[in-house]
Amino acid sequence: MAALIGLFSEKPVDSRTDAEIREQIVAEIDQQSWGPRVSTDVVVTNGVVVLKGAITDERERAALRVVAENVPGVKDVYDRRVRSRRNKLL
């Protein structure tokens, strides 16, 4: 009986908390030289990732989406980041 209870109480392999998912996405962003660490916020609710903030290059948008989509436990990714222009010195 104890073994049976143990089986039901174990967390499924692909089941991760929102905090664990967010932590892995942020860690991956931090490891990338191109990663927009300061300008991107990652919110995870029930496995759904929402990326918020600003980007200066559309390649960042695609790359961050791929980062988020490849984290185990992610069900969907919504990109709410806006394009901003870099200030150029004249």
PDB file of N, CA and C in Angstrom:
ATOM      1  N   MET A   1       0.826  -1.191   0.000  1.00  0.00           N
ATOM      2  CA  MET A   1       0.000   0.000   0.000  1.00  0.00           C
ATOM      3  C   MET A   1       0.875   1.261   0.000  1.00  0.00           C
ATOM      4  N   ALA A   2       1.942   1.273   0.782  1.00  0.00           N
ATOM      5  CA  ALA A   2       2.825   2.439   0.848  1.00  0.00           C
ATOM      6  C   ALA A   2       3.469   2.705  -0.514  1.00  0.00           C
ATOM      7  N   ALA A   3       3.837   1.638  -1.222  1.00  0.00           N
ATOM      8  CA  ALA A   3       4.434   1.811  -2.551  1.00  0.00           C
ATOM      9  C   ALA A   3       3.442   2.428  -3.518  1.00  0.00           C
ATOM     10  N   LEU A   4       2.198   2.025  -3.443  1.00  0.00           N
ATOM     11  CA  LEU A   4       1.151   2.569  -4.300  1.00  0.00           C
ATOM     12  C   LEU A   4       0.923   4.045  -4.013  1.00  0.00           C
ATOM     13  N   ILE A   5       0.900   4.404  -2.752  1.00  0.00           N
ATOM     14  CA  ILE A   5       0.743   5.815  -2.368  1.00  0.00           C
ATOM     15  C   ILE A   5       1.925   6.627  -2.877  1.00  0.00           C
ATOM     16  N   GLY A   6       3.123   6.056  -2.795  1.00  0.00           N
ATOM     17  CA  GLY A   6       4.321   6.731  -3.286  1.00  0.00           C
ATOM     18  C   GLY A   6       4.253   7.013  -4.769  1.00  0.00           C
ATOM     19  N   LEU A   7       3.707   6.077  -5.524  1.00  0.00           N
ATOM     20  CA  LEU A   7       3.576   6.284  -6.966  1.00  0.00           C
ATOM     21  C   LEU A   7       2.654   7.440  -7.298  1.00  0.00           C
ATOM     22  N   PHE A   8       1.572   7.574  -6.567  1.00  0.00           N
ATOM     23  CA  PHE A   8       0.614   8.641  -6.838  1.00  0.00           C
ATOM     24  C   PHE A   8       1.091   9.997  -6.345  1.00  0.00           C
ATOM     25  N   SER A   9       1.973  10.003  -5.370  1.00  0.00           N
ATOM     26  CA  SER A   9       2.426  11.275  -4.814  1.00  0.00           C
ATOM     27  C   SER A   9       3.627  11.848  -5.558  1.00  0.00           C
ATOM     28  N   GLU A  10       4.264  11.029  -6.422  1.00  0.00           N
ATOM     29  CA  GLU A  10       5.407  11.528  -7.176  1.00  0.00           C
ATOM     30  C   GLU A  10       4.962  12.512  -8.249  1.00  0.00           C
ATOM     31  N   LYS A  11       5.786  13.508  -8.434  1.00  0.00           N
ATOM     32  CA  LYS A  11       5.532  14.521  -9.446  1.00  0.00           C
ATOM     33  C   LYS A  11       5.863  13.941 -10.820  1.00  0.00           C
ATOM     34  N   PRO A  12       4.978  14.072 -11.811  1.00  0.00           N
ATOM     35  CA  PRO A  12       5.291  13.580 -13.150  1.00  0.00           C
ATOM     36  C   PRO A  12       6.572  14.218 -13.678  1.00  0.00           C
ATOM     37  N   VAL A  13       7.323  13.471 -14.497  1.00  0.00           N
ATOM     38  CA  VAL A  13       8.611  13.937 -14.999  1.00  0.00           C
ATOM     39  C   VAL A  13       8.498  15.267 -15.724  1.00  0.00           C
ATOM     40  N   ASP A  14       7.464  15.444 -16.564  1.00  0.00           N
ATOM     41  CA  ASP A  14       7.338  16.671 -17.342  1.00  0.00           C
ATOM     42  C   ASP A  14       6.571  17.765 -16.616  1.00  0.00           C
ATOM     43  N   SER A  15       6.197  17.526 -15.381  1.00  0.00           N
ATOM     44  CA  SER A  15       5.448  18.518 -14.609  1.00  0.00           C
ATOM     45  C   SER A  15       6.424  19.407 -13.837  1.00  0.00           C
ATOM     46  N   ARG A  16       6.440  20.677 -14.170  1.00  0.00           N
ATOM     47  CA  ARG A  16       7.323  21.624 -13.504  1.00  0.00           C
ATOM     48  C   ARG A  16       6.490  22.799 -13.031  1.00  0.00           C
ATOM     49  N   THR A  17       6.943  23.428 -11.977  1.00  0.00           N
ATOM     50  CA  THR A  17       6.220  24.589 -11.482  1.00  0.00           C
ATOM     51  C   THR A  17       6.502  25.786 -12.393  1.00  0.00           C
ATOM     52  N   ASP A  18       5.643  26.771 -12.304  1.00  0.00           N
ATOM     53  CA  ASP A  18       5.839  27.994 -13.080  1.00  0.00           C
ATOM     54  C   ASP A  18       7.161  28.656 -12.705  1.00  0.00           C
ATOM     55  N   ALA A  19       7.489  28.628 -11.423  1.00  0.00           N
ATOM     56  CA  ALA A  19       8.746  29.237 -10.962  1.00  0.00           C
ATOM     57  C   ALA A  19       9.952  28.521 -11.564  1.00  0.00           C
ATOM     58  N   GLU A  20       9.900  27.189 -11.648  1.00  0.00           N
ATOM     59  CA  GLU A  20      11.002  26.426 -12.241  1.00  0.00           C
ATOM     60  C   GLU A  20      11.146  26.738 -13.729  1.00  0.00           C
ATOM     61  N   ILE A  21      10.030  26.845 -14.415  1.00  0.00           N
ATOM     62  CA  ILE A  21      10.052  27.168 -15.847  1.00  0.00           C
ATOM     63  C   ILE A  21      10.655  28.551 -16.049  1.00  0.00           C
ATOM     64  N   ARG A  22      10.174  29.522 -15.276  1.00  0.00           N
ATOM     65  CA  ARG A  22      10.682  30.893 -15.397  1.00  0.00           C
ATOM     66  C   ARG A  22      12.176  30.946 -15.100  1.00  0.00           C
ATOM     67  N   GLU A  23      12.591  30.269 -14.058  1.00  0.00           N
ATOM     68  CA  GLU A  23      14.002  30.255 -13.663  1.00  0.00           C
ATOM     69  C   GLU A  23      14.880  29.717 -14.792  1.00  0.00           C
ATOM     70  N   GLN A  24      14.437  28.660 -15.450  1.00  0.00           N
ATOM     71  CA  GLN A  24      15.235  28.083 -16.531  1.00  0.00           C
ATOM     72  C   GLN A  24      15.299  29.026 -17.734  1.00  0.00           C
ATOM     73  N   ILE A  25      14.194  29.671 -18.062  1.00  0.00           N
ATOM     74  CA  ILE A  25      14.193  30.615 -19.190  1.00  0.00           C
ATOM     75  C   ILE A  25      15.119  31.791 -18.906  1.00  0.00           C
ATOM     76  N   VAL A  26      15.015  32.361 -17.718  1.00  0.00           N
ATOM     77  CA  VAL A  26      15.863  33.500 -17.352  1.00  0.00           C
ATOM     78  C   VAL A  26      17.340  33.086 -17.345  1.00  0.00           C
ATOM     79  N   ALA A  27      17.638  31.894 -16.837  1.00  0.00           N
ATOM     80  CA  ALA A  27      19.028  31.406 -16.823  1.00  0.00           C
ATOM     81  C   ALA A  27      19.566  31.273 -18.245  1.00  0.00           C
ATOM     82  N   GLU A  28      18.740  30.785 -19.144  1.00  0.00           N
ATOM     83  CA  GLU A  28      19.165  30.637 -20.534  1.00  0.00           C
ATOM     84  C   GLU A  28      19.411  31.996 -21.179  1.00  0.00           C
ATOM     85  N   ILE A  29      18.551  32.961 -20.899  1.00  0.00           N
ATOM     86  CA  ILE A  29      18.747  34.325 -21.418  1.00  0.00           C
ATOM     87  C   ILE A  29      20.063  34.889 -20.896  1.00  0.00           C
ATOM     88  N   ASP A  30      20.327  34.685 -19.615  1.00  0.00           N
ATOM     89  CA  ASP A  30      21.556  35.198 -18.999  1.00  0.00           C
ATOM     90  C   ASP A  30      22.815  34.596 -19.612  1.00  0.00           C
ATOM     91  N   GLN A  31      22.728  33.385 -20.124  1.00  0.00           N
ATOM     92  CA  GLN A  31      23.892  32.715 -20.705  1.00  0.00           C
ATOM     93  C   GLN A  31      24.217  33.211 -22.116  1.00  0.00           C
ATOM     94  N   GLN A  32      23.277  33.873 -22.760  1.00  0.00           N
ATOM     95  CA  GLN A  32      23.476  34.309 -24.135  1.00  0.00           C
ATOM     96  C   GLN A  32      24.082  35.705 -24.190  1.00  0.00           C
ATOM     97  N   SER A  33      25.090  35.874 -25.035  1.00  0.00           N
ATOM     98  CA  SER A  33      25.716  37.196 -25.163  1.00  0.00           C
ATOM     99  C   SER A  33      24.731  38.219 -25.719  1.00  0.00           C
ATOM    100  N   TRP A  34      23.774  37.764 -26.515  1.00  0.00           N
ATOM    101  CA  TRP A  34      22.774  38.649 -27.109  1.00  0.00           C
ATOM    102  C   TRP A  34      21.544  38.820 -26.202  1.00  0.00           C
ATOM    103  N   GLY A  35      21.490  38.089 -25.116  1.00  0.00           N
ATOM    104  CA  GLY A  35      20.299  38.055 -24.264  1.00  0.00           C
ATOM    105  C   GLY A  35      19.926  39.412 -23.690  1.00  0.00           C
ATOM    106  N   PRO A  36      18.694  39.845 -23.927  1.00  0.00           N
ATOM    107  CA  PRO A  36      18.222  41.135 -23.383  1.00  0.00           C
ATOM    108  C   PRO A  36      17.831  40.999 -21.914  1.00  0.00           C
ATOM    109  N   ARG A  37      18.820  40.885 -21.047  1.00  0.00           N
ATOM    110  CA  ARG A  37      18.599  40.602 -19.630  1.00  0.00           C
ATOM    111  C   ARG A  37      17.747  41.650 -18.928  1.00  0.00           C
ATOM    112  N   VAL A  38      18.016  42.897 -19.186  1.00  0.00           N
ATOM    113  CA  VAL A  38      17.339  43.977 -18.466  1.00  0.00           C
ATOM    114  C   VAL A  38      15.987  44.320 -19.080  1.00  0.00           C
ATOM    115  N   SER A  39      15.873  44.193 -20.391  1.00  0.00           N
ATOM    116  CA  SER A  39      14.675  44.688 -21.066  1.00  0.00           C
ATOM    117  C   SER A  39      13.584  43.644 -21.279  1.00  0.00           C
ATOM    118  N   THR A  40      13.769  42.424 -20.774  1.00  0.00           N
ATOM    119  CA  THR A  40      12.757  41.389 -20.959  1.00  0.00           C
ATOM    120  C   THR A  40      12.304  40.832 -19.617  1.00  0.00           C
ATOM    121  N   ASP A  41      10.991  40.776 -19.445  1.00  0.00           N
ATOM    122  CA  ASP A  41      10.399  40.182 -18.257  1.00  0.00           C
ATOM    123  C   ASP A  41       9.711  38.891 -18.683  1.00  0.00           C
ATOM    124  N   VAL A  42       9.870  37.858 -17.888  1.00  0.00           N
ATOM    125  CA  VAL A  42       9.276  36.555 -18.189  1.00  0.00           C
ATOM    126  C   VAL A  42       8.234  36.251 -17.124  1.00  0.00           C
ATOM    127  N   VAL A  43       6.989  36.052 -17.557  1.00  0.00           N
ATOM    128  CA  VAL A  43       5.891  35.717 -16.647  1.00  0.00           C
ATOM    129  C   VAL A  43       5.360  34.351 -17.072  1.00  0.00           C
ATOM    130  N   VAL A  44       5.225  33.444 -16.102  1.00  0.00           N
ATOM    131  CA  VAL A  44       4.730  32.096 -16.404  1.00  0.00           C
ATOM    132  C   VAL A  44       3.521  31.808 -15.525  1.00  0.00           C
ATOM    133  N   THR A  45       2.424  31.418 -16.153  1.00  0.00           N
ATOM    134  CA  THR A  45       1.195  31.068 -15.444  1.00  0.00           C
ATOM    135  C   THR A  45       0.644  29.781 -16.033  1.00  0.00           C
ATOM    136  N   ASN A  46       0.567  28.761 -15.212  1.00  0.00           N
ATOM    137  CA  ASN A  46       0.068  27.446 -15.658  1.00  0.00           C
ATOM    138  C   ASN A  46       0.797  26.940 -16.897  1.00  0.00           C
ATOM    139  N   GLY A  47       2.110  27.157 -16.955  1.00  0.00           N
ATOM    140  CA  GLY A  47       2.909  26.681 -18.071  1.00  0.00           C
ATOM    141  C   GLY A  47       2.887  27.568 -19.299  1.00  0.00           C
ATOM    142  N   VAL A  48       2.121  28.645 -19.259  1.00  0.00           N
ATOM    143  CA  VAL A  48       2.042  29.580 -20.386  1.00  0.00           C
ATOM    144  C   VAL A  48       2.994  30.740 -20.121  1.00  0.00           C
ATOM    145  N   VAL A  49       3.908  30.969 -21.049  1.00  0.00           N
ATOM    146  CA  VAL A  49       4.930  31.999 -20.901  1.00  0.00           C
ATOM    147  C   VAL A  49       4.502  33.260 -21.632  1.00  0.00           C
ATOM    148  N   VAL A  50       4.645  34.399 -20.946  1.00  0.00           N
ATOM    149  CA  VAL A  50       4.415  35.701 -21.570  1.00  0.00           C
ATOM    150  C   VAL A  50       5.723  36.470 -21.461  1.00  0.00           C
ATOM    151  N   LEU A  51       6.248  36.879 -22.609  1.00  0.00           N
ATOM    152  CA  LEU A  51       7.463  37.681 -22.660  1.00  0.00           C
ATOM    153  C   LEU A  51       7.049  39.137 -22.786  1.00  0.00           C
ATOM    154  N   LYS A  52       7.538  39.977 -21.870  1.00  0.00           N
ATOM    155  CA  LYS A  52       7.187  41.399 -21.863  1.00  0.00           C
ATOM    156  C   LYS A  52       8.462  42.226 -21.923  1.00  0.00           C
ATOM    157  N   GLY A  53       8.328  43.472 -22.374  1.00  0.00           N
ATOM    158  CA  GLY A  53       9.468  44.370 -22.397  1.00  0.00           C
ATOM    159  C   GLY A  53       9.703  44.940 -23.767  1.00  0.00           C
ATOM    160  N   ALA A  54      10.968  45.262 -24.039  1.00  0.00           N
ATOM    161  CA  ALA A  54      11.325  45.892 -25.307  1.00  0.00           C
ATOM    162  C   ALA A  54      12.484  45.144 -25.952  1.00  0.00           C
ATOM    163  N   ILE A  55      12.509  45.177 -27.278  1.00  0.00           N
ATOM    164  CA  ILE A  55      13.619  44.614 -28.037  1.00  0.00           C
ATOM    165  C   ILE A  55      14.106  45.656 -29.033  1.00  0.00           C
ATOM    166  N   THR A  56      15.354  45.540 -29.429  1.00  0.00           N
ATOM    167  CA  THR A  56      15.905  46.466 -30.415  1.00  0.00           C
ATOM    168  C   THR A  56      16.159  45.769 -31.746  1.00  0.00           C
ATOM    169  N   ASP A  57      16.028  44.451 -31.753  1.00  0.00           N
ATOM    170  CA  ASP A  57      16.328  43.675 -32.954  1.00  0.00           C
ATOM    171  C   ASP A  57      15.309  42.535 -33.051  1.00  0.00           C
ATOM    172  N   GLU A  58      14.687  42.390 -34.188  1.00  0.00           N
ATOM    173  CA  GLU A  58      13.674  41.344 -34.368  1.00  0.00           C
ATOM    174  C   GLU A  58      14.241  39.937 -34.210  1.00  0.00           C
ATOM    175  N   ARG A  59      15.539  39.781 -34.415  1.00  0.00           N
ATOM    176  CA  ARG A  59      16.149  38.468 -34.218  1.00  0.00           C
ATOM    177  C   ARG A  59      16.053  38.035 -32.759  1.00  0.00           C
ATOM    178  N   GLU A  60      16.075  39.008 -31.844  1.00  0.00           N
ATOM    179  CA  GLU A  60      15.900  38.687 -30.419  1.00  0.00           C
ATOM    180  C   GLU A  60      14.532  38.063 -30.179  1.00  0.00           C
ATOM    181  N   ARG A  61      13.516  38.606 -30.839  1.00  0.00           N
ATOM    182  CA  ARG A  61      12.153  38.108 -30.656  1.00  0.00           C
ATOM    183  C   ARG A  61      12.088  36.607 -31.001  1.00  0.00           C
ATOM    184  N   ALA A  62      12.607  36.264 -32.153  1.00  0.00           N
ATOM    185  CA  ALA A  62      12.568  34.865 -32.582  1.00  0.00           C
ATOM    186  C   ALA A  62      13.418  33.986 -31.671  1.00  0.00           C
ATOM    187  N   ALA A  63      14.594  34.445 -31.310  1.00  0.00           N
ATOM    188  CA  ALA A  63      15.496  33.649 -30.483  1.00  0.00           C
ATOM    189  C   ALA A  63      14.914  33.401 -29.088  1.00  0.00           C
ATOM    190  N   LEU A  64      14.323  34.417 -28.491  1.00  0.00           N
ATOM    191  CA  LEU A  64      13.745  34.246 -27.149  1.00  0.00           C
ATOM    192  C   LEU A  64      12.529  33.343 -27.183  1.00  0.00           C
ATOM    193  N   ARG A  65      11.795  33.410 -28.239  1.00  0.00           N
ATOM    194  CA  ARG A  65      10.647  32.512 -28.382  1.00  0.00           C
ATOM    195  C   ARG A  65      11.121  31.058 -28.422  1.00  0.00           C
ATOM    196  N   VAL A  66      12.185  30.807 -29.175  1.00  0.00           N
ATOM    197  CA  VAL A  66      12.743  29.457 -29.260  1.00  0.00           C
ATOM    198  C   VAL A  66      13.257  29.014 -27.887  1.00  0.00           C
ATOM    199  N   VAL A  67      13.944  29.901 -27.186  1.00  0.00           N
ATOM    200  CA  VAL A  67      14.432  29.572 -25.831  1.00  0.00           C
ATOM    201  C   VAL A  67      13.266  29.126 -24.957  1.00  0.00           C
ATOM    202  N   ALA A  68      12.204  29.913 -24.931  1.00  0.00           N
ATOM    203  CA  ALA A  68      11.050  29.597 -24.082  1.00  0.00           C
ATOM    204  C   ALA A  68      10.359  28.314 -24.517  1.00  0.00           C
ATOM    205  N   GLU A  69      10.171  28.133 -25.803  1.00  0.00           N
ATOM    206  CA  GLU A  69       9.464  26.952 -26.314  1.00  0.00           C
ATOM    207  C   GLU A  69      10.202  25.655 -26.009  1.00  0.00           C
ATOM    208  N   ASN A  70      11.516  25.714 -25.857  1.00  0.00           N
ATOM    209  CA  ASN A  70      12.310  24.511 -25.622  1.00  0.00           C
ATOM    210  C   ASN A  70      12.453  24.128 -24.155  1.00  0.00           C
ATOM    211  N   VAL A  71      11.878  24.896 -23.263  1.00  0.00           N
ATOM    212  CA  VAL A  71      11.935  24.555 -21.842  1.00  0.00           C
ATOM    213  C   VAL A  71      10.827  23.547 -21.528  1.00  0.00           C
ATOM    214  N   PRO A  72      11.186  22.420 -20.919  1.00  0.00           N
ATOM    215  CA  PRO A  72      10.169  21.418 -20.558  1.00  0.00           C
ATOM    216  C   PRO A  72       9.081  22.018 -19.666  1.00  0.00           C
ATOM    217  N   GLY A  73       7.844  21.689 -19.964  1.00  0.00           N
ATOM    218  CA  GLY A  73       6.713  22.176 -19.174  1.00  0.00           C
ATOM    219  C   GLY A  73       6.006  23.377 -19.772  1.00  0.00           C
ATOM    220  N   VAL A  74       6.636  24.015 -20.774  1.00  0.00           N
ATOM    221  CA  VAL A  74       6.014  25.179 -21.409  1.00  0.00           C
ATOM    222  C   VAL A  74       4.911  24.695 -22.343  1.00  0.00           C
ATOM    223  N   LYS A  75       3.710  25.255 -22.154  1.00  0.00           N
ATOM    224  CA  LYS A  75       2.558  24.876 -22.976  1.00  0.00           C
ATOM    225  C   LYS A  75       2.360  25.813 -24.159  1.00  0.00           C
ATOM    226  N   ASP A  76       2.681  27.092 -23.960  1.00  0.00           N
ATOM    227  CA  ASP A  76       2.507  28.078 -25.023  1.00  0.00           C
ATOM    228  C   ASP A  76       3.356  29.292 -24.690  1.00  0.00           C
ATOM    229  N   VAL A  77       3.657  30.106 -25.696  1.00  0.00           N
ATOM    230  CA  VAL A  77       4.462  31.310 -25.505  1.00  0.00           C
ATOM    231  C   VAL A  77       3.769  32.473 -26.199  1.00  0.00           C
ATOM    232  N   TYR A  78       3.594  33.570 -25.465  1.00  0.00           N
ATOM    233  CA  TYR A  78       3.039  34.799 -26.023  1.00  0.00           C
ATOM    234  C   TYR A  78       4.099  35.885 -25.920  1.00  0.00           C
ATOM    235  N   ASP A  79       4.322  36.565 -27.002  1.00  0.00           N
ATOM    236  CA  ASP A  79       5.334  37.612 -27.059  1.00  0.00           C
ATOM    237  C   ASP A  79       4.636  38.968 -27.026  1.00  0.00           C
ATOM    238  N   ARG A  80       4.797  39.674 -25.943  1.00  0.00           N
ATOM    239  CA  ARG A  80       4.176  40.997 -25.778  1.00  0.00           C
ATOM    240  C   ARG A  80       5.232  42.107 -25.780  1.00  0.00           C
ATOM    241  N   ARG A  81       6.432  41.796 -26.268  1.00  0.00           N
ATOM    242  CA  ARG A  81       7.497  42.794 -26.284  1.00  0.00           C
ATOM    243  C   ARG A  81       7.294  43.753 -27.450  1.00  0.00           C
ATOM    244  N   VAL A  82       7.732  44.971 -27.258  1.00  0.00           N
ATOM    245  CA  VAL A  82       7.592  45.992 -28.289  1.00  0.00           C
ATOM    246  C   VAL A  82       8.966  46.350 -28.844  1.00  0.00           C
ATOM    247  N   ARG A  83       8.965  46.797 -30.051  1.00  0.00           N
ATOM    248  CA  ARG A  83      10.216  47.202 -30.700  1.00  0.00           C
ATOM    249  C   ARG A  83      10.555  48.608 -30.247  1.00  0.00           C
ATOM    250  N   SER A  84      11.787  48.809 -29.791  1.00  0.00           N
ATOM    251  CA  SER A  84      12.235  50.143 -29.412  1.00  0.00           C
ATOM    252  C   SER A  84      13.443  50.500 -30.268  1.00  0.00           C
ATOM    253  N   ARG A  85      13.685  51.753 -30.399  1.00  0.00           N
ATOM    254  CA  ARG A  85      14.839  52.205 -31.168  1.00  0.00           C
ATOM    255  C   ARG A  85      15.955  52.540 -30.204  1.00  0.00           C
ATOM    256  N   ARG A  86      17.151  52.231 -30.624  1.00  0.00           N
ATOM    257  CA  ARG A  86      18.309  52.619 -29.823  1.00  0.00           C
ATOM    258  C   ARG A  86      18.594  54.087 -30.056  1.00  0.00           C
ATOM    259  N   ASN A  87      18.977  54.754 -28.992  1.00  0.00           N
ATOM    260  CA  ASN A  87      19.364  56.157 -29.135  1.00  0.00           C
ATOM    261  C   ASN A  87      20.742  56.204 -29.753  1.00  0.00           C
ATOM    262  N   LYS A  88      20.869  56.932 -30.827  1.00  0.00           N
ATOM    263  CA  LYS A  88      22.152  57.060 -31.493  1.00  0.00           C
ATOM    264  C   LYS A  88      22.724  58.435 -31.220  1.00  0.00           C
ATOM    265  N   LEU A  89      24.003  58.463 -30.911  1.00  0.00           N
ATOM    266  CA  LEU A  89      24.681  59.740 -30.714  1.00  0.00           C
ATOM    267  C   LEU A  89      25.042  60.306 -32.079  1.00  0.00           C
ATOM    268  N   LEU A  90      24.797  61.566 -32.256  1.00  0.00           N
ATOM    269  CA  LEU A  90      25.125  62.207 -33.539  1.00  0.00           C
ATOM    270  C   LEU A  90      26.461  62.879 -33.470  1.00  0.00           C
TER     271      LEU A  90
END
